[in-house]
Every structure is written in C-alpha cells, then in structure tokens.
C-alpha atoms as a PDB file:
ATOM      1  CA  UNK A   1      73.679  49.510  23.196  1.00  0.00           C
ATOM      2  CA  UNK A   2      70.048  48.755  22.401  1.00  0.00           C
ATOM      3  CA  UNK A   3      69.535  45.816  20.074  1.00  0.00           C
ATOM      4  CA  UNK A   4      67.019  47.576  17.845  1.00  0.00           C
ATOM      5  CA  UNK A   5      68.837  50.789  16.986  1.00  0.00           C
ATOM      6  CA  UNK A   6      68.847  49.687  13.349  1.00  0.00           C
ATOM      7  CA  UNK A   7      65.089  50.232  13.100  1.00  0.00           C
ATOM      8  CA  UNK A   8      62.647  50.457  10.192  1.00  0.00           C
ATOM      9  CA  UNK A   9      62.456  54.202  10.824  1.00  0.00           C
ATOM     10  CA  UNK A  10      66.119  54.387   9.843  1.00  0.00           C
ATOM     11  CA  UNK A  11      65.529  52.193   6.780  1.00  0.00           C
ATOM     12  CA  UNK A  12      62.326  53.762   5.464  1.00  0.00           C
ATOM     13  CA  UNK A  13      58.819  52.312   5.327  1.00  0.00           C
ATOM     14  CA  UNK A  14      57.718  49.789   4.164  1.00  0.00           C
ATOM     15  CA  UNK A  15      60.778  47.633   4.926  1.00  0.00           C
ATOM     16  CA  UNK A  16      62.595  45.998   2.056  1.00  0.00           C
ATOM     17  CA  UNK A  17      63.748  42.962   4.033  1.00  0.00           C
ATOM     18  CA  UNK A  18      61.934  39.683   3.534  1.00  0.00           C
ATOM     19  CA  UNK A  19      59.645  41.145   0.873  1.00  0.00           C
ATOM     20  CA  UNK A  20      58.874  37.641  -0.392  1.00  0.00           C
ATOM     21  CA  UNK A  21      57.392  36.633   2.968  1.00  0.00           C
ATOM     22  CA  UNK A  22      55.619  39.950   3.385  1.00  0.00           C
ATOM     23  CA  UNK A  23      54.013  39.891  -0.050  1.00  0.00           C
ATOM     24  CA  UNK A  24      53.140  36.177   0.054  1.00  0.00           C
ATOM     25  CA  UNK A  25      51.100  36.535   3.222  1.00  0.00           C
ATOM     26  CA  UNK A  26      49.601  39.916   2.499  1.00  0.00           C
ATOM     27  CA  UNK A  27      51.694  41.731   5.109  1.00  0.00           C
ATOM     28  CA  UNK A  28      52.168  44.651   2.744  1.00  0.00           C
ATOM     29  CA  UNK A  29      48.369  44.990   2.572  1.00  0.00           C
ATOM     30  CA  UNK A  30      48.070  44.535   6.337  1.00  0.00           C
ATOM     31  CA  UNK A  31      50.721  47.223   6.910  1.00  0.00           C
ATOM     32  CA  UNK A  32      49.265  49.702   4.437  1.00  0.00           C
ATOM     33  CA  UNK A  33      45.769  49.423   5.944  1.00  0.00           C
ATOM     34  CA  UNK A  34      46.793  49.372   9.597  1.00  0.00           C
ATOM     35  CA  UNK A  35      49.558  51.946   9.196  1.00  0.00           C
ATOM     36  CA  UNK A  36      46.939  54.507   8.121  1.00  0.00           C
ATOM     37  CA  UNK A  37      44.328  53.468  10.695  1.00  0.00           C
ATOM     38  CA  UNK A  38      46.409  52.449  13.695  1.00  0.00           C
ATOM     39  CA  UNK A  39      45.368  55.499  15.736  1.00  0.00           C
ATOM     40  CA  UNK A  40      41.823  54.123  15.514  1.00  0.00           C
ATOM     41  CA  UNK A  41      42.902  50.925  17.290  1.00  0.00           C
ATOM     42  CA  UNK A  42      41.243  50.645  20.712  1.00  0.00           C
ATOM     43  CA  UNK A  43      43.618  49.810  23.539  1.00  0.00           C
ATOM     44  CA  UNK A  44      42.822  49.105  27.181  1.00  0.00           C
ATOM     45  CA  UNK A  45      44.551  48.318  30.440  1.00  0.00           C
ATOM     46  CA  UNK A  46      44.412  44.880  32.067  1.00  0.00           C
ATOM     47  CA  UNK A  47      41.681  46.108  34.442  1.00  0.00           C
ATOM     48  CA  UNK A  48      39.486  46.931  31.439  1.00  0.00           C
ATOM     49  CA  UNK A  49      39.969  50.707  31.583  1.00  0.00           C
ATOM     50  CA  UNK A  50      39.967  52.139  28.056  1.00  0.00           C
ATOM     51  CA  UNK A  51      42.990  54.115  26.888  1.00  0.00           C
ATOM     52  CA  UNK A  52      41.557  57.215  25.244  1.00  0.00           C
ATOM     53  CA  UNK A  53      44.861  58.527  23.895  1.00  0.00           C
ATOM     54  CA  UNK A  54      46.661  57.370  20.751  1.00  0.00           C
ATOM     55  CA  UNK A  55      48.759  54.401  21.873  1.00  0.00           C
ATOM     56  CA  UNK A  56      52.048  56.180  21.214  1.00  0.00           C
ATOM     57  CA  UNK A  57      51.058  59.042  23.541  1.00  0.00           C
ATOM     58  CA  UNK A  58      49.812  56.611  26.205  1.00  0.00           C
ATOM     59  CA  UNK A  59      53.078  54.660  26.075  1.00  0.00           C
ATOM     60  CA  UNK A  60      55.151  57.832  26.261  1.00  0.00           C
ATOM     61  CA  UNK A  61      53.129  59.047  29.262  1.00  0.00           C
ATOM     62  CA  UNK A  62      53.675  55.701  31.002  1.00  0.00           C
ATOM     63  CA  UNK A  63      57.422  55.818  30.301  1.00  0.00           C
ATOM     64  CA  UNK A  64      57.718  59.377  31.652  1.00  0.00           C
ATOM     65  CA  UNK A  65      55.679  58.514  34.745  1.00  0.00           C
ATOM     66  CA  UNK A  66      57.795  55.450  35.551  1.00  0.00           C
ATOM     67  CA  UNK A  67      61.058  57.247  34.769  1.00  0.00           C
ATOM     68  CA  UNK A  68      60.145  60.064  37.159  1.00  0.00           C
ATOM     69  CA  UNK A  69      59.889  57.408  39.885  1.00  0.00           C
ATOM     70  CA  UNK A  70      63.371  56.224  38.858  1.00  0.00           C
ATOM     71  CA  UNK A  71      61.973  52.840  37.774  1.00  0.00           C
ATOM     72  CA  UNK A  72      63.844  51.023  35.012  1.00  0.00           C
ATOM     73  CA  UNK A  73      61.520  49.563  32.359  1.00  0.00           C
ATOM     74  CA  UNK A  74      61.780  46.833  29.769  1.00  0.00           C
ATOM     75  CA  UNK A  75      59.055  46.398  27.136  1.00  0.00           C
ATOM     76  CA  UNK A  76      57.943  43.162  25.468  1.00  0.00           C
ATOM     77  CA  UNK A  77      55.420  43.139  22.619  1.00  0.00           C
ATOM     78  CA  UNK A  78      53.567  39.998  21.571  1.00  0.00           C
ATOM     79  CA  UNK A  79      50.449  38.728  19.826  1.00  0.00           C
ATOM     80  CA  UNK A  80      48.489  35.505  20.154  1.00  0.00           C
ATOM     81  CA  UNK A  81      45.382  34.253  18.368  1.00  0.00           C
ATOM     82  CA  UNK A  82      42.591  31.752  18.806  1.00  0.00           C
ATOM     83  CA  UNK A  83      40.137  30.363  16.281  1.00  0.00           C
ATOM     84  CA  UNK A  84      36.607  30.512  17.707  1.00  0.00           C
ATOM     85  CA  UNK A  85      34.042  29.106  15.288  1.00  0.00           C
ATOM     86  CA  UNK A  86      34.097  31.299  12.174  1.00  0.00           C
ATOM     87  CA  UNK A  87      36.164  34.011  13.872  1.00  0.00           C
ATOM     88  CA  UNK A  88      39.889  34.336  14.477  1.00  0.00           C
ATOM     89  CA  UNK A  89      40.622  36.589  17.438  1.00  0.00           C
ATOM     90  CA  UNK A  90      44.006  38.298  17.777  1.00  0.00           C
ATOM     91  CA  UNK A  91      45.243  39.863  21.016  1.00  0.00           C
ATOM     92  CA  UNK A  92      48.302  42.121  21.015  1.00  0.00           C
ATOM     93  CA  UNK A  93      49.927  43.215  24.265  1.00  0.00           C
ATOM     94  CA  UNK A  94      52.531  45.768  25.241  1.00  0.00           C
ATOM     95  CA  UNK A  95      54.034  44.478  28.487  1.00  0.00           C
ATOM     96  CA  UNK A  96      55.977  46.921  30.661  1.00  0.00           C
ATOM     97  CA  UNK A  97      58.308  45.162  33.099  1.00  0.00           C
ATOM     98  CA  UNK A  98      59.428  47.217  36.086  1.00  0.00           C
ATOM     99  CA  UNK A  99      62.847  46.128  37.326  1.00  0.00           C
ATOM    100  CA  UNK A 100      62.286  44.289  40.638  1.00  0.00           C
ATOM    101  CA  UNK A 101      58.732  45.666  40.850  1.00  0.00           C
ATOM    102  CA  UNK A 102      56.195  43.751  38.732  1.00  0.00           C
ATOM    103  CA  UNK A 103      54.706  45.265  35.621  1.00  0.00           C
ATOM    104  CA  UNK A 104      51.611  46.257  33.663  1.00  0.00           C
ATOM    105  CA  UNK A 105      50.304  45.907  30.131  1.00  0.00           C
ATOM    106  CA  UNK A 106      48.203  47.501  27.430  1.00  0.00           C
ATOM    107  CA  UNK A 107      45.915  45.269  25.355  1.00  0.00           C
ATOM    108  CA  UNK A 108      44.335  45.394  21.909  1.00  0.00           C
ATOM    109  CA  UNK A 109      41.890  42.777  20.554  1.00  0.00           C
ATOM    110  CA  UNK A 110      40.515  42.324  17.074  1.00  0.00           C
ATOM    111  CA  UNK A 111      38.458  39.678  15.293  1.00  0.00           C
ATOM    112  CA  UNK A 112      38.401  38.646  11.663  1.00  0.00           C
ATOM    113  CA  UNK A 113      36.454  36.176   9.541  1.00  0.00           C
ATOM    114  CA  UNK A 114      39.584  35.526   7.472  1.00  0.00           C
ATOM    115  CA  UNK A 115      40.619  31.863   7.439  1.00  0.00           C
ATOM    116  CA  UNK A 116      44.314  31.153   7.993  1.00  0.00           C
ATOM    117  CA  UNK A 117      46.488  28.071   7.818  1.00  0.00           C
ATOM    118  CA  UNK A 118      48.462  27.639  11.054  1.00  0.00           C
ATOM    119  CA  UNK A 119      51.743  28.933   9.592  1.00  0.00           C
ATOM    120  CA  UNK A 120      50.065  31.935   8.027  1.00  0.00           C
ATOM    121  CA  UNK A 121      48.276  32.766  11.308  1.00  0.00           C
ATOM    122  CA  UNK A 122      51.583  32.607  13.207  1.00  0.00           C
ATOM    123  CA  UNK A 123      53.169  35.028  10.740  1.00  0.00           C
ATOM    124  CA  UNK A 124      50.188  37.393  10.907  1.00  0.00           C
ATOM    125  CA  UNK A 125      50.642  37.411  14.708  1.00  0.00           C
ATOM    126  CA  UNK A 126      54.258  38.422  14.155  1.00  0.00           C
ATOM    127  CA  UNK A 127      53.219  41.140  11.685  1.00  0.00           C
ATOM    128  CA  UNK A 128      50.804  42.621  14.233  1.00  0.00           C
ATOM    129  CA  UNK A 129      53.515  42.715  16.902  1.00  0.00           C
ATOM    130  CA  UNK A 130      55.998  44.297  14.499  1.00  0.00           C
ATOM    131  CA  UNK A 131      53.457  46.924  13.492  1.00  0.00           C
ATOM    132  CA  UNK A 132      53.175  48.040  17.132  1.00  0.00           C
ATOM    133  CA  UNK A 133      56.939  47.774  17.734  1.00  0.00           C
ATOM    134  CA  UNK A 134      57.600  49.887  14.641  1.00  0.00           C
ATOM    135  CA  UNK A 135      55.213  52.600  15.801  1.00  0.00           C
ATOM    136  CA  UNK A 136      56.801  52.782  19.264  1.00  0.00           C
ATOM    137  CA  UNK A 137      60.491  52.028  18.635  1.00  0.00           C
ATOM    138  CA  UNK A 138      61.603  55.669  18.448  1.00  0.00           C
ATOM    139  CA  UNK A 139      60.177  56.231  21.958  1.00  0.00           C
ATOM    140  CA  UNK A 140      62.153  53.291  23.315  1.00  0.00           C
ATOM    141  CA  UNK A 141      65.332  54.552  21.678  1.00  0.00           C
ATOM    142  CA  UNK A 142      64.784  58.076  22.997  1.00  0.00           C
ATOM    143  CA  UNK A 143      64.189  56.830  26.563  1.00  0.00           C
ATOM    144  CA  UNK A 144      66.847  54.053  26.440  1.00  0.00           C
ATOM    145  CA  UNK A 145      64.347  51.256  27.060  1.00  0.00           C
ATOM    146  CA  UNK A 146      65.102  47.698  26.011  1.00  0.00           C
ATOM    147  CA  UNK A 147      62.376  46.174  23.831  1.00  0.00           C
ATOM    148  CA  UNK A 148      61.731  42.651  22.539  1.00  0.00           C
ATOM    149  CA  UNK A 149      59.202  41.202  20.115  1.00  0.00           C
ATOM    150  CA  UNK A 150      57.825  37.871  21.351  1.00  0.00           C
ATOM    151  CA  UNK A 151      56.461  35.236  18.957  1.00  0.00           C
ATOM    152  CA  UNK A 152      54.115  32.470  20.078  1.00  0.00           C
ATOM    153  CA  UNK A 153      56.066  29.955  17.998  1.00  0.00           C
ATOM    154  CA  UNK A 154      57.533  26.772  19.386  1.00  0.00           C
ATOM    155  CA  UNK A 155      61.235  26.068  18.918  1.00  0.00           C
ATOM    156  CA  UNK A 156      60.484  22.328  19.094  1.00  0.00           C
ATOM    157  CA  UNK A 157      60.098  20.958  15.529  1.00  0.00           C
ATOM    158  CA  UNK A 158      57.428  18.495  16.740  1.00  0.00           C
ATOM    159  CA  UNK A 159      54.916  21.358  17.055  1.00  0.00           C
ATOM    160  CA  UNK A 160      53.037  22.690  14.021  1.00  0.00           C
ATOM    161  CA  UNK A 161      53.825  26.319  14.866  1.00  0.00           C
ATOM    162  CA  UNK A 162      57.542  25.552  14.387  1.00  0.00           C
ATOM    163  CA  UNK A 163      57.024  25.714  10.598  1.00  0.00           C
ATOM    164  CA  UNK A 164      56.854  29.511  10.908  1.00  0.00           C
ATOM    165  CA  UNK A 165      59.917  29.911  13.137  1.00  0.00           C
ATOM    166  CA  UNK A 166      62.572  30.627  10.500  1.00  0.00           C
ATOM    167  CA  UNK A 167      60.458  33.173   8.608  1.00  0.00           C
ATOM    168  CA  UNK A 168      59.283  34.887  11.807  1.00  0.00           C
ATOM    169  CA  UNK A 169      62.778  35.084  13.246  1.00  0.00           C
ATOM    170  CA  UNK A 170      64.202  36.445   9.991  1.00  0.00           C
ATOM    171  CA  UNK A 171      61.377  38.953   9.703  1.00  0.00           C
ATOM    172  CA  UNK A 172      61.763  40.275  13.275  1.00  0.00           C
ATOM    173  CA  UNK A 173      65.563  40.334  13.263  1.00  0.00           C
ATOM    174  CA  UNK A 174      65.564  41.826   9.773  1.00  0.00           C
ATOM    175  CA  UNK A 175      63.491  44.711  11.132  1.00  0.00           C
ATOM    176  CA  UNK A 176      66.205  45.299  13.731  1.00  0.00           C
ATOM    177  CA  UNK A 177      64.247  44.090  16.785  1.00  0.00           C
ATOM    178  CA  UNK A 178      65.275  41.624  19.500  1.00  0.00           C
ATOM    179  CA  UNK A 179      63.346  38.337  19.204  1.00  0.00           C
ATOM    180  CA  UNK A 180      62.120  35.694  21.654  1.00  0.00           C
ATOM    181  CA  UNK A 181      60.214  32.466  20.864  1.00  0.00           C
ATOM    182  CA  UNK A 182      58.689  29.873  23.191  1.00  0.00           C
ATOM    183  CA  UNK A 183      59.383  29.137  25.998  1.00  0.00           C
ATOM    184  CA  UNK A 184      60.837  32.632  26.589  1.00  0.00           C
ATOM    185  CA  UNK A 185      58.122  34.532  24.684  1.00  0.00           C
ATOM    186  CA  UNK A 186      55.866  35.185  27.693  1.00  0.00           C
ATOM    187  CA  UNK A 187      54.277  38.336  26.216  1.00  0.00           C
ATOM    188  CA  UNK A 188      52.642  36.280  23.459  1.00  0.00           C
ATOM    189  CA  UNK A 189      52.425  32.772  24.941  1.00  0.00           C
ATOM    190  CA  UNK A 190      51.209  33.831  28.426  1.00  0.00           C
ATOM    191  CA  UNK A 191      49.922  37.427  28.468  1.00  0.00           C
ATOM    192  CA  UNK A 192      48.281  37.622  25.020  1.00  0.00           C
ATOM    193  CA  UNK A 193      47.161  33.990  25.306  1.00  0.00           C
ATOM    194  CA  UNK A 194      45.272  34.807  28.516  1.00  0.00           C
ATOM    195  CA  UNK A 195      43.456  37.641  26.736  1.00  0.00           C
ATOM    196  CA  UNK A 196      42.419  35.374  23.828  1.00  0.00           C
ATOM    197  CA  UNK A 197      41.093  32.581  26.065  1.00  0.00           C
END
C-alpha cells in the first residue's frame, strides 16, 4: 500500500493540518499564489533542455514511457536553497529512480529578494516540495509509484537546520506523504543542492 494514499486531494485544499505553521510562515499565501500560477513554472531536464509541457503532463508522459519499458519507478521530490548576496535561490527537483537502472530528474529554479531566517527558509523549502508533490500525487497513486518528499534538514540537533525538523516532519506527514531528512534526503541535499551551487 502506498504511504501517501491519504492525500490532500482526498482532504480538500488548502489542507487544514498544521494551519498554525502554514499561516505563521505565509505558506497559505505561497500556496494561493503558486497554486494558481504553477503551470507557468519553467521546468527543465538535467541536460538543460526545457520542458515545454505543464509539469503534470511531462511527468505523466515520463511515467507512461518508463512503464511501457517495464521499468519500475520511484519518485523523490526535494528543494534546496542558497543565499547569494541579496537573492535567495530555490531549486526544486523531481527525481525519478529507475529500479536497478539509474534515474533522471526535472528541475525548477526561482529567485527571490525575500529575506528569511534559517528556520523559515527550511520550511519554505518544504512548502515548495509539498506544492509539487500535491500537484502530482494523483498520478503516482494511479500508476502505483512510490513517492517521498525529501527535506534538507539535519536530524542532528547541533545543526541550525534541525530547528525546523519537527514542524517540517509534521507538515509533510500531516499531508499524507512519506518523509526523509538528512542523511537520507538525497533529492534535496544532493540533487537540488547541486543545482543551487
């Protein structure tokens, strides 16, 4: 049984879980803006080739193509960010893992002048990953594909990012998605990190 069958689509949108966290950090605003404009988000492949379809259609096409080759997929979604001068750059990735046969990923970057404290930035990363997971989760259910949301948050309390762990974990699990943090969160801490740097 897939771990995210109890999805936001089955609960209604916006989600009612963790409303305190969502409203405190402006996630409701982030969702309402991006939910309406997400088809305008520009995605690309790792080789730089632009994806000219809405991301949901591109993901479905990829799933169908791999399934026709009898390849079992797993999908991991993660976001990382870097502060570069006055800008904060976010990179979100959708990583497709082919069982015993490598993988590929789709990438989206965006920059903002908004200033974040470290904990707030970590939770905005999580919100961006959840936004993508929410949009795509019905595809993964339909095609029986396991999906995880990865958070670039350290489980070691000595690291500053650990302050956001409890809220992020509650937020992701409350949405009905499987969750991974460092060191297992390779989609955010390796793949998205490489795109940001």
